[in-house]
Amino acid sequence: MKKKFLMAGLIGSMAISATSLAADAKKPLALWDCQDFLAVQESYRPIVVSYAEALNSKAEDAVLNVEGITKKTPLLVKHCTENPKIKLRDALVGMNKQ
């Protein structure tokens, strides 16, 4: 149980550093569009995806699927490139339903 909280804290702190690299660092991650996600350096995108997934999940689902994030990141980049004006949260929810 402690490992889950430690992992969530580590990911959260890394995501905070990743959000500072975005085009508009004052905008909360929950309000990002796909174009904001695409503005992040490529190496930080999996961190942003993991943090956004954590924001979208319920407290009961406190397990982070690292393999799923590494598979989901390139798909999300493709989807966001095709639809830069949609909300990042909506893009992730749509991908999770597939």
PDB file of N, CA and C in Angstrom:
ATOM      1  N   MET A   1       0.820  -1.179   0.000  1.00  0.00           N
ATOM      2  CA  MET A   1       0.000   0.000   0.000  1.00  0.00           C
ATOM      3  C   MET A   1       0.872   1.253   0.000  1.00  0.00           C
ATOM      4  N   LYS A   2       1.956   1.237   0.776  1.00  0.00           N
ATOM      5  CA  LYS A   2       2.837   2.390   0.832  1.00  0.00           C
ATOM      6  C   LYS A   2       3.528   2.611  -0.508  1.00  0.00           C
ATOM      7  N   LYS A   3       3.797   1.524  -1.237  1.00  0.00           N
ATOM      8  CA  LYS A   3       4.441   1.655  -2.541  1.00  0.00           C
ATOM      9  C   LYS A   3       3.549   2.396  -3.522  1.00  0.00           C
ATOM     10  N   LYS A   4       2.248   2.170  -3.447  1.00  0.00           N
ATOM     11  CA  LYS A   4       1.305   2.851  -4.349  1.00  0.00           C
ATOM     12  C   LYS A   4       1.312   4.351  -4.096  1.00  0.00           C
ATOM     13  N   PHE A   5       1.296   4.734  -2.824  1.00  0.00           N
ATOM     14  CA  PHE A   5       1.301   6.153  -2.494  1.00  0.00           C
ATOM     15  C   PHE A   5       2.634   6.798  -2.844  1.00  0.00           C
ATOM     16  N   LEU A   6       3.719   6.068  -2.649  1.00  0.00           N
ATOM     17  CA  LEU A   6       5.034   6.575  -3.018  1.00  0.00           C
ATOM     18  C   LEU A   6       5.125   6.775  -4.515  1.00  0.00           C
ATOM     19  N   MET A   7       4.607   5.811  -5.285  1.00  0.00           N
ATOM     20  CA  MET A   7       4.618   5.917  -6.741  1.00  0.00           C
ATOM     21  C   MET A   7       3.757   7.088  -7.199  1.00  0.00           C
ATOM     22  N   ALA A   8       2.592   7.263  -6.581  1.00  0.00           N
ATOM     23  CA  ALA A   8       1.709   8.374  -6.953  1.00  0.00           C
ATOM     24  C   ALA A   8       2.375   9.716  -6.644  1.00  0.00           C
ATOM     25  N   GLY A   9       3.059   9.806  -5.524  1.00  0.00           N
ATOM     26  CA  GLY A   9       3.773  11.036  -5.176  1.00  0.00           C
ATOM     27  C   GLY A   9       4.916  11.322  -6.118  1.00  0.00           C
ATOM     28  N   LEU A  10       5.633  10.281  -6.508  1.00  0.00           N
ATOM     29  CA  LEU A  10       6.748  10.438  -7.438  1.00  0.00           C
ATOM     30  C   LEU A  10       6.252  10.903  -8.793  1.00  0.00           C
ATOM     31  N   ILE A  11       5.193  10.287  -9.264  1.00  0.00           N
ATOM     32  CA  ILE A  11       4.633  10.670 -10.564  1.00  0.00           C
ATOM     33  C   ILE A  11       4.081  12.087 -10.500  1.00  0.00           C
ATOM     34  N   GLY A  12       3.444  12.421  -9.416  1.00  0.00           N
ATOM     35  CA  GLY A  12       2.914  13.770  -9.266  1.00  0.00           C
ATOM     36  C   GLY A  12       4.001  14.822  -9.277  1.00  0.00           C
ATOM     37  N   SER A  13       5.102  14.551  -8.591  1.00  0.00           N
ATOM     38  CA  SER A  13       6.194  15.525  -8.572  1.00  0.00           C
ATOM     39  C   SER A  13       6.867  15.643  -9.932  1.00  0.00           C
ATOM     40  N   MET A  14       6.963  14.533 -10.651  1.00  0.00           N
ATOM     41  CA  MET A  14       7.539  14.588 -11.992  1.00  0.00           C
ATOM     42  C   MET A  14       6.594  15.314 -12.944  1.00  0.00           C
ATOM     43  N   ALA A  15       5.320  15.136 -12.759  1.00  0.00           N
ATOM     44  CA  ALA A  15       4.347  15.806 -13.624  1.00  0.00           C
ATOM     45  C   ALA A  15       4.347  17.306 -13.383  1.00  0.00           C
ATOM     46  N   ILE A  16       4.574  17.707 -12.146  1.00  0.00           N
ATOM     47  CA  ILE A  16       4.646  19.133 -11.863  1.00  0.00           C
ATOM     48  C   ILE A  16       5.823  19.749 -12.598  1.00  0.00           C
ATOM     49  N   SER A  17       6.946  19.052 -12.640  1.00  0.00           N
ATOM     50  CA  SER A  17       8.084  19.579 -13.383  1.00  0.00           C
ATOM     51  C   SER A  17       7.805  19.563 -14.881  1.00  0.00           C
ATOM     52  N   ALA A  18       7.033  18.592 -15.352  1.00  0.00           N
ATOM     53  CA  ALA A  18       6.684  18.536 -16.776  1.00  0.00           C
ATOM     54  C   ALA A  18       5.721  19.647 -17.146  1.00  0.00           C
ATOM     55  N   THR A  19       4.819  19.978 -16.243  1.00  0.00           N
ATOM     56  CA  THR A  19       3.867  21.037 -16.562  1.00  0.00           C
ATOM     57  C   THR A  19       4.551  22.388 -16.642  1.00  0.00           C
ATOM     58  N   SER A  20       5.667  22.548 -15.969  1.00  0.00           N
ATOM     59  CA  SER A  20       6.373  23.819 -16.056  1.00  0.00           C
ATOM     60  C   SER A  20       7.014  24.015 -17.422  1.00  0.00           C
ATOM     61  N   LEU A  21       7.161  22.949 -18.188  1.00  0.00           N
ATOM     62  CA  LEU A  21       7.737  23.044 -19.513  1.00  0.00           C
ATOM     63  C   LEU A  21       6.693  23.309 -20.593  1.00  0.00           C
ATOM     64  N   ALA A  22       5.431  23.291 -20.244  1.00  0.00           N
ATOM     65  CA  ALA A  22       4.366  23.479 -21.220  1.00  0.00           C
ATOM     66  C   ALA A  22       4.307  24.932 -21.672  1.00  0.00           C
ATOM     67  N   ALA A  23       3.593  25.156 -22.767  1.00  0.00           N
ATOM     68  CA  ALA A  23       3.481  26.492 -23.330  1.00  0.00           C
ATOM     69  C   ALA A  23       2.827  27.458 -22.347  1.00  0.00           C
ATOM     70  N   ASP A  24       1.824  27.026 -21.638  1.00  0.00           N
ATOM     71  CA  ASP A  24       1.109  27.863 -20.682  1.00  0.00           C
ATOM     72  C   ASP A  24       1.108  27.153 -19.341  1.00  0.00           C
ATOM     73  N   ALA A  25       2.159  27.349 -18.558  1.00  0.00           N
ATOM     74  CA  ALA A  25       2.329  26.613 -17.306  1.00  0.00           C
ATOM     75  C   ALA A  25       1.313  27.034 -16.249  1.00  0.00           C
ATOM     76  N   LYS A  26       0.628  28.156 -16.438  1.00  0.00           N
ATOM     77  CA  LYS A  26      -0.348  28.606 -15.451  1.00  0.00           C
ATOM     78  C   LYS A  26      -1.677  27.872 -15.588  1.00  0.00           C
ATOM     79  N   LYS A  27      -1.861  27.189 -16.669  1.00  0.00           N
ATOM     80  CA  LYS A  27      -3.119  26.468 -16.930  1.00  0.00           C
ATOM     81  C   LYS A  27      -3.056  25.106 -16.240  1.00  0.00           C
ATOM     82  N   PRO A  28      -4.041  24.770 -15.414  1.00  0.00           N
ATOM     83  CA  PRO A  28      -4.047  23.456 -14.755  1.00  0.00           C
ATOM     84  C   PRO A  28      -4.166  22.323 -15.777  1.00  0.00           C
ATOM     85  N   LEU A  29      -3.584  21.209 -15.464  1.00  0.00           N
ATOM     86  CA  LEU A  29      -3.585  20.065 -16.380  1.00  0.00           C
ATOM     87  C   LEU A  29      -5.005  19.615 -16.718  1.00  0.00           C
ATOM     88  N   ALA A  30      -5.915  19.752 -15.804  1.00  0.00           N
ATOM     89  CA  ALA A  30      -7.297  19.346 -16.054  1.00  0.00           C
ATOM     90  C   ALA A  30      -7.957  20.180 -17.151  1.00  0.00           C
ATOM     91  N   LEU A  31      -7.405  21.353 -17.450  1.00  0.00           N
ATOM     92  CA  LEU A  31      -7.977  22.238 -18.468  1.00  0.00           C
ATOM     93  C   LEU A  31      -7.188  22.244 -19.776  1.00  0.00           C
ATOM     94  N   TRP A  32      -6.183  21.396 -19.879  1.00  0.00           N
ATOM     95  CA  TRP A  32      -5.349  21.390 -21.083  1.00  0.00           C
ATOM     96  C   TRP A  32      -6.119  20.917 -22.305  1.00  0.00           C
ATOM     97  N   ASP A  33      -5.785  21.505 -23.453  1.00  0.00           N
ATOM     98  CA  ASP A  33      -6.232  21.012 -24.746  1.00  0.00           C
ATOM     99  C   ASP A  33      -5.151  20.080 -25.277  1.00  0.00           C
ATOM    100  N   CYS A  34      -5.467  19.406 -26.362  1.00  0.00           N
ATOM    101  CA  CYS A  34      -4.468  18.542 -26.983  1.00  0.00           C
ATOM    102  C   CYS A  34      -3.257  19.349 -27.464  1.00  0.00           C
ATOM    103  N   GLN A  35      -3.494  20.578 -27.899  1.00  0.00           N
ATOM    104  CA  GLN A  35      -2.369  21.381 -28.366  1.00  0.00           C
ATOM    105  C   GLN A  35      -1.411  21.725 -27.223  1.00  0.00           C
ATOM    106  N   ASP A  36      -1.924  21.863 -26.006  1.00  0.00           N
ATOM    107  CA  ASP A  36      -1.056  22.073 -24.847  1.00  0.00           C
ATOM    108  C   ASP A  36      -0.209  20.836 -24.580  1.00  0.00           C
ATOM    109  N   PHE A  37      -0.827  19.663 -24.735  1.00  0.00           N
ATOM    110  CA  PHE A  37      -0.098  18.406 -24.552  1.00  0.00           C
ATOM    111  C   PHE A  37       1.007  18.267 -25.597  1.00  0.00           C
ATOM    112  N   LEU A  38       0.712  18.629 -26.829  1.00  0.00           N
ATOM    113  CA  LEU A  38       1.707  18.519 -27.903  1.00  0.00           C
ATOM    114  C   LEU A  38       2.848  19.515 -27.733  1.00  0.00           C
ATOM    115  N   ALA A  39       2.636  20.582 -26.950  1.00  0.00           N
ATOM    116  CA  ALA A  39       3.679  21.573 -26.709  1.00  0.00           C
ATOM    117  C   ALA A  39       4.728  21.086 -25.707  1.00  0.00           C
ATOM    118  N   VAL A  40       4.414  20.032 -24.975  1.00  0.00           N
ATOM    119  CA  VAL A  40       5.355  19.476 -23.993  1.00  0.00           C
ATOM    120  C   VAL A  40       6.444  18.703 -24.727  1.00  0.00           C
ATOM    121  N   GLN A  41       7.662  18.745 -24.196  1.00  0.00           N
ATOM    122  CA  GLN A  41       8.754  17.981 -24.791  1.00  0.00           C
ATOM    123  C   GLN A  41       8.371  16.510 -24.872  1.00  0.00           C
ATOM    124  N   GLU A  42       8.810  15.881 -25.934  1.00  0.00           N
ATOM    125  CA  GLU A  42       8.428  14.490 -26.192  1.00  0.00           C
ATOM    126  C   GLU A  42       8.803  13.550 -25.051  1.00  0.00           C
ATOM    127  N   SER A  43       9.917  13.784 -24.417  1.00  0.00           N
ATOM    128  CA  SER A  43      10.355  12.893 -23.338  1.00  0.00           C
ATOM    129  C   SER A  43       9.481  13.004 -22.087  1.00  0.00           C
ATOM    130  N   TYR A  44       8.766  14.117 -21.932  1.00  0.00           N
ATOM    131  CA  TYR A  44       7.902  14.310 -20.762  1.00  0.00           C
ATOM    132  C   TYR A  44       6.457  13.888 -21.006  1.00  0.00           C
ATOM    133  N   ARG A  45       6.100  13.567 -22.238  1.00  0.00           N
ATOM    134  CA  ARG A  45       4.711  13.237 -22.552  1.00  0.00           C
ATOM    135  C   ARG A  45       4.179  12.033 -21.769  1.00  0.00           C
ATOM    136  N   PRO A  46       4.952  10.936 -21.601  1.00  0.00           N
ATOM    137  CA  PRO A  46       4.421   9.829 -20.781  1.00  0.00           C
ATOM    138  C   PRO A  46       4.132  10.239 -19.341  1.00  0.00           C
ATOM    139  N   ILE A  47       4.903  11.168 -18.814  1.00  0.00           N
ATOM    140  CA  ILE A  47       4.673  11.640 -17.447  1.00  0.00           C
ATOM    141  C   ILE A  47       3.367  12.418 -17.386  1.00  0.00           C
ATOM    142  N   VAL A  48       3.137  13.249 -18.391  1.00  0.00           N
ATOM    143  CA  VAL A  48       1.890  14.014 -18.438  1.00  0.00           C
ATOM    144  C   VAL A  48       0.700  13.075 -18.587  1.00  0.00           C
ATOM    145  N   VAL A  49       0.851  12.049 -19.429  1.00  0.00           N
ATOM    146  CA  VAL A  49      -0.236  11.083 -19.614  1.00  0.00           C
ATOM    147  C   VAL A  49      -0.525  10.366 -18.299  1.00  0.00           C
ATOM    148  N   SER A  50       0.511   9.960 -17.575  1.00  0.00           N
ATOM    149  CA  SER A  50       0.284   9.256 -16.305  1.00  0.00           C
ATOM    150  C   SER A  50      -0.388  10.161 -15.290  1.00  0.00           C
ATOM    151  N   TYR A  51       0.006  11.415 -15.252  1.00  0.00           N
ATOM    152  CA  TYR A  51      -0.606  12.344 -14.303  1.00  0.00           C
ATOM    153  C   TYR A  51      -2.059  12.624 -14.692  1.00  0.00           C
ATOM    154  N   ALA A  52      -2.313  12.790 -15.987  1.00  0.00           N
ATOM    155  CA  ALA A  52      -3.685  13.017 -16.446  1.00  0.00           C
ATOM    156  C   ALA A  52      -4.556  11.790 -16.178  1.00  0.00           C
ATOM    157  N   GLU A  53      -3.993  10.608 -16.354  1.00  0.00           N
ATOM    158  CA  GLU A  53      -4.727   9.375 -16.033  1.00  0.00           C
ATOM    159  C   GLU A  53      -5.066   9.337 -14.548  1.00  0.00           C
ATOM    160  N   ALA A  54      -4.127   9.763 -13.711  1.00  0.00           N
ATOM    161  CA  ALA A  54      -4.382   9.775 -12.272  1.00  0.00           C
ATOM    162  C   ALA A  54      -5.484  10.770 -11.923  1.00  0.00           C
ATOM    163  N   LEU A  55      -5.522  11.906 -12.628  1.00  0.00           N
ATOM    164  CA  LEU A  55      -6.582  12.881 -12.380  1.00  0.00           C
ATOM    165  C   LEU A  55      -7.943  12.348 -12.811  1.00  0.00           C
ATOM    166  N   ASN A  56      -7.975  11.546 -13.850  1.00  0.00           N
ATOM    167  CA  ASN A  56      -9.231  11.013 -14.371  1.00  0.00           C
ATOM    168  C   ASN A  56      -9.724   9.789 -13.615  1.00  0.00           C
ATOM    169  N   SER A  57      -8.855   9.152 -12.850  1.00  0.00           N
ATOM    170  CA  SER A  57      -9.245   7.907 -12.177  1.00  0.00           C
ATOM    171  C   SER A  57      -9.877   8.181 -10.822  1.00  0.00           C
ATOM    172  N   LYS A  58     -10.571   7.181 -10.338  1.00  0.00           N
ATOM    173  CA  LYS A  58     -11.175   7.250  -9.013  1.00  0.00           C
ATOM    174  C   LYS A  58     -10.136   6.861  -7.978  1.00  0.00           C
ATOM    175  N   ALA A  59     -10.372   7.237  -6.742  1.00  0.00           N
ATOM    176  CA  ALA A  59      -9.424   6.925  -5.669  1.00  0.00           C
ATOM    177  C   ALA A  59      -9.285   5.420  -5.463  1.00  0.00           C
ATOM    178  N   GLU A  60     -10.340   4.665  -5.769  1.00  0.00           N
ATOM    179  CA  GLU A  60     -10.292   3.216  -5.587  1.00  0.00           C
ATOM    180  C   GLU A  60      -9.377   2.549  -6.614  1.00  0.00           C
ATOM    181  N   ASP A  61      -9.200   3.198  -7.749  1.00  0.00           N
ATOM    182  CA  ASP A  61      -8.363   2.646  -8.817  1.00  0.00           C
ATOM    183  C   ASP A  61      -6.953   3.223  -8.730  1.00  0.00           C
ATOM    184  N   ALA A  62      -6.292   3.042  -7.600  1.00  0.00           N
ATOM    185  CA  ALA A  62      -5.017   3.693  -7.337  1.00  0.00           C
ATOM    186  C   ALA A  62      -3.818   2.957  -7.941  1.00  0.00           C
ATOM    187  N   VAL A  63      -4.056   2.040  -8.861  1.00  0.00           N
ATOM    188  CA  VAL A  63      -2.962   1.306  -9.481  1.00  0.00           C
ATOM    189  C   VAL A  63      -2.646   1.946 -10.828  1.00  0.00           C
ATOM    190  N   LEU A  64      -1.387   2.229 -11.066  1.00  0.00           N
ATOM    191  CA  LEU A  64      -0.953   2.861 -12.305  1.00  0.00           C
ATOM    192  C   LEU A  64      -0.426   1.787 -13.242  1.00  0.00           C
ATOM    193  N   ASN A  65      -0.973   1.707 -14.441  1.00  0.00           N
ATOM    194  CA  ASN A  65      -0.563   0.736 -15.445  1.00  0.00           C
ATOM    195  C   ASN A  65       0.523   1.366 -16.314  1.00  0.00           C
ATOM    196  N   VAL A  66       1.775   1.104 -15.990  1.00  0.00           N
ATOM    197  CA  VAL A  66       2.898   1.716 -16.700  1.00  0.00           C
ATOM    198  C   VAL A  66       2.966   1.236 -18.147  1.00  0.00           C
ATOM    199  N   GLU A  67       2.733  -0.038 -18.374  1.00  0.00           N
ATOM    200  CA  GLU A  67       2.750  -0.557 -19.739  1.00  0.00           C
ATOM    201  C   GLU A  67       1.659   0.084 -20.571  1.00  0.00           C
ATOM    202  N   GLY A  68       0.500   0.298 -19.980  1.00  0.00           N
ATOM    203  CA  GLY A  68      -0.594   0.941 -20.693  1.00  0.00           C
ATOM    204  C   GLY A  68      -0.260   2.360 -21.096  1.00  0.00           C
ATOM    205  N   ILE A  69       0.480   3.061 -20.246  1.00  0.00           N
ATOM    206  CA  ILE A  69       0.861   4.442 -20.544  1.00  0.00           C
ATOM    207  C   ILE A  69       1.869   4.486 -21.683  1.00  0.00           C
ATOM    208  N   THR A  70       2.817   3.562 -21.700  1.00  0.00           N
ATOM    209  CA  THR A  70       3.797   3.568 -22.784  1.00  0.00           C
ATOM    210  C   THR A  70       3.148   3.214 -24.116  1.00  0.00           C
ATOM    211  N   LYS A  71       2.089   2.422 -24.090  1.00  0.00           N
ATOM    212  CA  LYS A  71       1.361   2.102 -25.321  1.00  0.00           C
ATOM    213  C   LYS A  71       0.400   3.219 -25.699  1.00  0.00           C
ATOM    214  N   LYS A  72      -0.161   3.884 -24.696  1.00  0.00           N
ATOM    215  CA  LYS A  72      -1.178   4.903 -24.928  1.00  0.00           C
ATOM    216  C   LYS A  72      -0.591   6.230 -25.405  1.00  0.00           C
ATOM    217  N   THR A  73       0.624   6.565 -25.003  1.00  0.00           N
ATOM    218  CA  THR A  73       1.204   7.865 -25.328  1.00  0.00           C
ATOM    219  C   THR A  73       1.312   8.107 -26.834  1.00  0.00           C
ATOM    220  N   PRO A  74       1.869   7.182 -27.631  1.00  0.00           N
ATOM    221  CA  PRO A  74       1.931   7.456 -29.073  1.00  0.00           C
ATOM    222  C   PRO A  74       0.550   7.545 -29.722  1.00  0.00           C
ATOM    223  N   LEU A  75      -0.403   6.765 -29.234  1.00  0.00           N
ATOM    224  CA  LEU A  75      -1.764   6.845 -29.756  1.00  0.00           C
ATOM    225  C   LEU A  75      -2.405   8.186 -29.430  1.00  0.00           C
ATOM    226  N   LEU A  76      -2.130   8.678 -28.235  1.00  0.00           N
ATOM    227  CA  LEU A  76      -2.668   9.975 -27.827  1.00  0.00           C
ATOM    228  C   LEU A  76      -2.026  11.097 -28.644  1.00  0.00           C
ATOM    229  N   VAL A  77      -0.742  10.991 -28.915  1.00  0.00           N
ATOM    230  CA  VAL A  77      -0.064  11.997 -29.740  1.00  0.00           C
ATOM    231  C   VAL A  77      -0.695  12.039 -31.132  1.00  0.00           C
ATOM    232  N   LYS A  78      -0.943  10.880 -31.700  1.00  0.00           N
ATOM    233  CA  LYS A  78      -1.575  10.816 -33.018  1.00  0.00           C
ATOM    234  C   LYS A  78      -2.972  11.432 -32.983  1.00  0.00           C
ATOM    235  N   HIS A  79      -3.754  11.058 -31.974  1.00  0.00           N
ATOM    236  CA  HIS A  79      -5.121  11.574 -31.844  1.00  0.00           C
ATOM    237  C   HIS A  79      -5.109  13.089 -31.637  1.00  0.00           C
ATOM    238  N   CYS A  80      -4.196  13.579 -30.825  1.00  0.00           N
ATOM    239  CA  CYS A  80      -4.127  15.012 -30.551  1.00  0.00           C
ATOM    240  C   CYS A  80      -3.606  15.795 -31.763  1.00  0.00           C
ATOM    241  N   THR A  81      -2.754  15.170 -32.549  1.00  0.00           N
ATOM    242  CA  THR A  81      -2.280  15.830 -33.757  1.00  0.00           C
ATOM    243  C   THR A  81      -3.431  16.022 -34.737  1.00  0.00           C
ATOM    244  N   GLU A  82      -4.320  15.047 -34.796  1.00  0.00           N
ATOM    245  CA  GLU A  82      -5.479  15.127 -35.687  1.00  0.00           C
ATOM    246  C   GLU A  82      -6.565  16.054 -35.133  1.00  0.00           C
ATOM    247  N   ASN A  83      -6.647  16.180 -33.808  1.00  0.00           N
ATOM    248  CA  ASN A  83      -7.698  16.984 -33.152  1.00  0.00           C
ATOM    249  C   ASN A  83      -7.085  17.885 -32.083  1.00  0.00           C
ATOM    250  N   PRO A  84      -6.362  18.946 -32.447  1.00  0.00           N
ATOM    251  CA  PRO A  84      -5.647  19.741 -31.449  1.00  0.00           C
ATOM    252  C   PRO A  84      -6.533  20.600 -30.543  1.00  0.00           C
ATOM    253  N   LYS A  85      -7.779  20.801 -30.889  1.00  0.00           N
ATOM    254  CA  LYS A  85      -8.639  21.693 -30.110  1.00  0.00           C
ATOM    255  C   LYS A  85      -9.452  20.990 -29.028  1.00  0.00           C
ATOM    256  N   ILE A  86      -9.474  19.647 -29.015  1.00  0.00           N
ATOM    257  CA  ILE A  86     -10.258  18.956 -27.991  1.00  0.00           C
ATOM    258  C   ILE A  86      -9.498  18.936 -26.669  1.00  0.00           C
ATOM    259  N   LYS A  87     -10.224  18.748 -25.608  1.00  0.00           N
ATOM    260  CA  LYS A  87      -9.613  18.690 -24.280  1.00  0.00           C
ATOM    261  C   LYS A  87      -8.823  17.395 -24.129  1.00  0.00           C
ATOM    262  N   LEU A  88      -7.701  17.482 -23.467  1.00  0.00           N
ATOM    263  CA  LEU A  88      -6.859  16.308 -23.236  1.00  0.00           C
ATOM    264  C   LEU A  88      -7.622  15.259 -22.436  1.00  0.00           C
ATOM    265  N   ARG A  89      -8.370  15.703 -21.480  1.00  0.00           N
ATOM    266  CA  ARG A  89      -9.151  14.779 -20.646  1.00  0.00           C
ATOM    267  C   ARG A  89     -10.153  13.990 -21.489  1.00  0.00           C
ATOM    268  N   ASP A  90     -10.837  14.681 -22.413  1.00  0.00           N
ATOM    269  CA  ASP A  90     -11.801  14.004 -23.285  1.00  0.00           C
ATOM    270  C   ASP A  90     -11.113  13.004 -24.200  1.00  0.00           C
ATOM    271  N   ALA A  91      -9.924  13.354 -24.677  1.00  0.00           N
ATOM    272  CA  ALA A  91      -9.180  12.447 -25.539  1.00  0.00           C
ATOM    273  C   ALA A  91      -8.798  11.180 -24.772  1.00  0.00           C
ATOM    274  N   LEU A  92      -8.373  11.325 -23.536  1.00  0.00           N
ATOM    275  CA  LEU A  92      -8.002  10.169 -22.725  1.00  0.00           C
ATOM    276  C   LEU A  92      -9.213   9.307 -22.387  1.00  0.00           C
ATOM    277  N   VAL A  93     -10.334   9.934 -22.067  1.00  0.00           N
ATOM    278  CA  VAL A  93     -11.545   9.185 -21.747  1.00  0.00           C
ATOM    279  C   VAL A  93     -11.995   8.396 -22.977  1.00  0.00           C
ATOM    280  N   GLY A  94     -11.931   9.024 -24.148  1.00  0.00           N
ATOM    281  CA  GLY A  94     -12.305   8.337 -25.383  1.00  0.00           C
ATOM    282  C   GLY A  94     -11.393   7.168 -25.680  1.00  0.00           C
ATOM    283  N   MET A  95     -10.116   7.319 -25.401  1.00  0.00           N
ATOM    284  CA  MET A  95      -9.170   6.217 -25.625  1.00  0.00           C
ATOM    285  C   MET A  95      -9.394   5.083 -24.639  1.00  0.00           C
ATOM    286  N   ASN A  96      -9.784   5.395 -23.432  1.00  0.00           N
ATOM    287  CA  ASN A  96     -10.017   4.362 -22.420  1.00  0.00           C
ATOM    288  C   ASN A  96     -11.247   3.523 -22.741  1.00  0.00           C
ATOM    289  N   LYS A  97     -12.199   4.104 -23.462  1.00  0.00           N
ATOM    290  CA  LYS A  97     -13.416   3.365 -23.817  1.00  0.00           C
ATOM    291  C   LYS A  97     -13.183   2.389 -24.950  1.00  0.00           C
ATOM    292  N   GLN A  98     -12.113   2.595 -25.720  1.00  0.00           N
ATOM    293  CA  GLN A  98     -11.824   1.710 -26.857  1.00  0.00           C
ATOM    294  C   GLN A  98     -11.277   0.395 -26.419  1.00  0.00           C
TER     295      GLN A  98
END
